[in-house]
Amino acid sequence: MENDSSKMLLAQNQLANKTNTWLLFLFLGWSYGSLDKIGLQILFYITLGGFGFWAVIRLFTLNGAIKEYNKNICIRVGLNADEMLMLGVI
């Protein structure tokens, strides 16, 4: 049981916070960097958010990207579906 709780704690510390990610995106355009995609973040900045088009698309895809990132963190740590459900990932 100790091992399971330590895995959950490890995953919880690595999960992306939805509110923080949204605030960073809305005020600074920073979303890919929060999800460990620094290369895409640099490209996003260089192209000024794809001249605005990429930024608009990101408004609709950010929630899904956060969920996918958090789910991948849980899988990497080795959590099962019930543990992911307890953390609110799925």
Protein backbone atom coordinates (compact mmCIF):
# COMPACT_ATOMS: atom_id res chain seq x y z
CA MET A 1 0.00 0.00 0.00
CA GLU A 2 2.90 2.35 0.73
CA ASN A 3 4.18 1.91 -2.80
CA ASP A 4 0.78 2.81 -4.29
CA SER A 5 0.48 6.02 -2.28
CA SER A 6 4.02 7.07 -3.19
CA LYS A 7 3.23 6.49 -6.88
CA MET A 8 0.11 8.60 -6.56
CA LEU A 9 2.01 11.36 -4.77
CA LEU A 10 4.71 11.31 -7.46
CA ALA A 11 2.09 11.55 -10.21
CA GLN A 12 0.18 14.29 -8.39
CA ASN A 13 3.32 16.42 -8.14
CA GLN A 14 3.96 16.11 -11.88
CA LEU A 15 0.42 16.72 -13.16
CA ALA A 16 -0.28 19.93 -15.05
CA ASN A 17 -2.60 22.26 -13.18
CA LYS A 18 -5.47 23.14 -15.51
CA THR A 19 -6.07 26.61 -14.06
CA ASN A 20 -2.41 27.61 -14.11
CA THR A 21 -1.95 26.34 -17.65
CA TRP A 22 -4.99 28.31 -18.87
CA LEU A 23 -3.89 31.49 -17.11
CA LEU A 24 -0.38 31.21 -18.55
CA PHE A 25 -1.83 30.68 -22.02
CA LEU A 26 -4.32 33.55 -21.84
CA PHE A 27 -1.87 36.12 -20.48
CA LEU A 28 1.50 34.98 -21.89
CA GLY A 29 0.70 32.55 -24.69
CA TRP A 30 2.53 29.85 -22.74
CA SER A 31 0.84 26.45 -23.04
CA TYR A 32 3.15 24.06 -24.86
CA GLY A 33 5.97 24.80 -22.42
CA SER A 34 3.73 23.83 -19.51
CA LEU A 35 3.20 20.47 -21.18
CA ASP A 36 6.93 19.80 -21.78
CA LYS A 37 6.90 20.79 -25.47
CA ILE A 38 9.47 23.59 -25.43
CA GLY A 39 10.23 23.30 -29.15
CA LEU A 40 6.59 23.89 -30.08
CA GLN A 41 6.42 26.76 -27.59
CA ILE A 42 9.39 28.49 -29.23
CA LEU A 43 7.82 27.97 -32.66
CA PHE A 44 4.51 29.34 -31.33
CA TYR A 45 6.28 32.51 -30.16
CA ILE A 46 8.38 32.92 -33.33
CA THR A 47 5.29 32.70 -35.56
CA LEU A 48 3.28 34.91 -33.17
CA GLY A 49 0.84 32.09 -32.56
CA GLY A 50 0.69 31.16 -36.24
CA PHE A 51 -0.31 34.77 -36.95
CA GLY A 52 -3.25 34.26 -34.61
CA PHE A 53 -4.72 31.17 -36.26
CA TRP A 54 -2.72 28.73 -34.15
CA ALA A 55 -3.68 30.64 -31.00
CA VAL A 56 -7.39 30.41 -31.83
CA ILE A 57 -7.11 26.68 -32.50
CA ARG A 58 -5.24 26.26 -29.21
CA LEU A 59 -8.22 27.77 -27.36
CA PHE A 60 -10.25 24.73 -28.40
CA THR A 61 -7.55 22.07 -28.00
CA LEU A 62 -5.88 23.06 -24.73
CA ASN A 63 -8.24 21.14 -22.41
CA GLY A 64 -7.68 17.93 -24.35
CA ALA A 65 -3.92 18.47 -24.38
CA ILE A 66 -3.87 18.93 -20.59
CA LYS A 67 -5.91 15.76 -20.07
CA GLU A 68 -3.66 13.77 -22.41
CA TYR A 69 -0.50 15.08 -20.73
CA ASN A 70 -1.81 14.20 -17.27
CA LYS A 71 -2.91 10.76 -18.42
CA ASN A 72 0.55 10.07 -19.88
CA ILE A 73 2.17 11.13 -16.59
CA CYS A 74 -0.01 8.64 -14.70
CA ILE A 75 0.76 5.85 -17.14
CA ARG A 76 4.50 6.58 -16.92
CA VAL A 77 4.35 6.44 -13.11
CA GLY A 78 2.41 3.17 -13.29
CA LEU A 79 -1.01 4.09 -11.96
CA ASN A 80 -4.04 1.98 -12.79
CA ALA A 81 -7.43 3.32 -13.89
CA ASP A 82 -8.85 3.45 -10.36
CA GLU A 83 -5.90 5.51 -9.12
CA MET A 84 -6.20 7.84 -12.11
CA LEU A 85 -9.88 8.26 -11.31
CA MET A 86 -9.03 9.15 -7.69
CA LEU A 87 -6.65 11.86 -8.97
CA GLY A 88 -9.32 13.17 -11.35
CA VAL A 89 -7.29 12.43 -14.47
CA ILE A 90 -9.96 10.31 -16.16
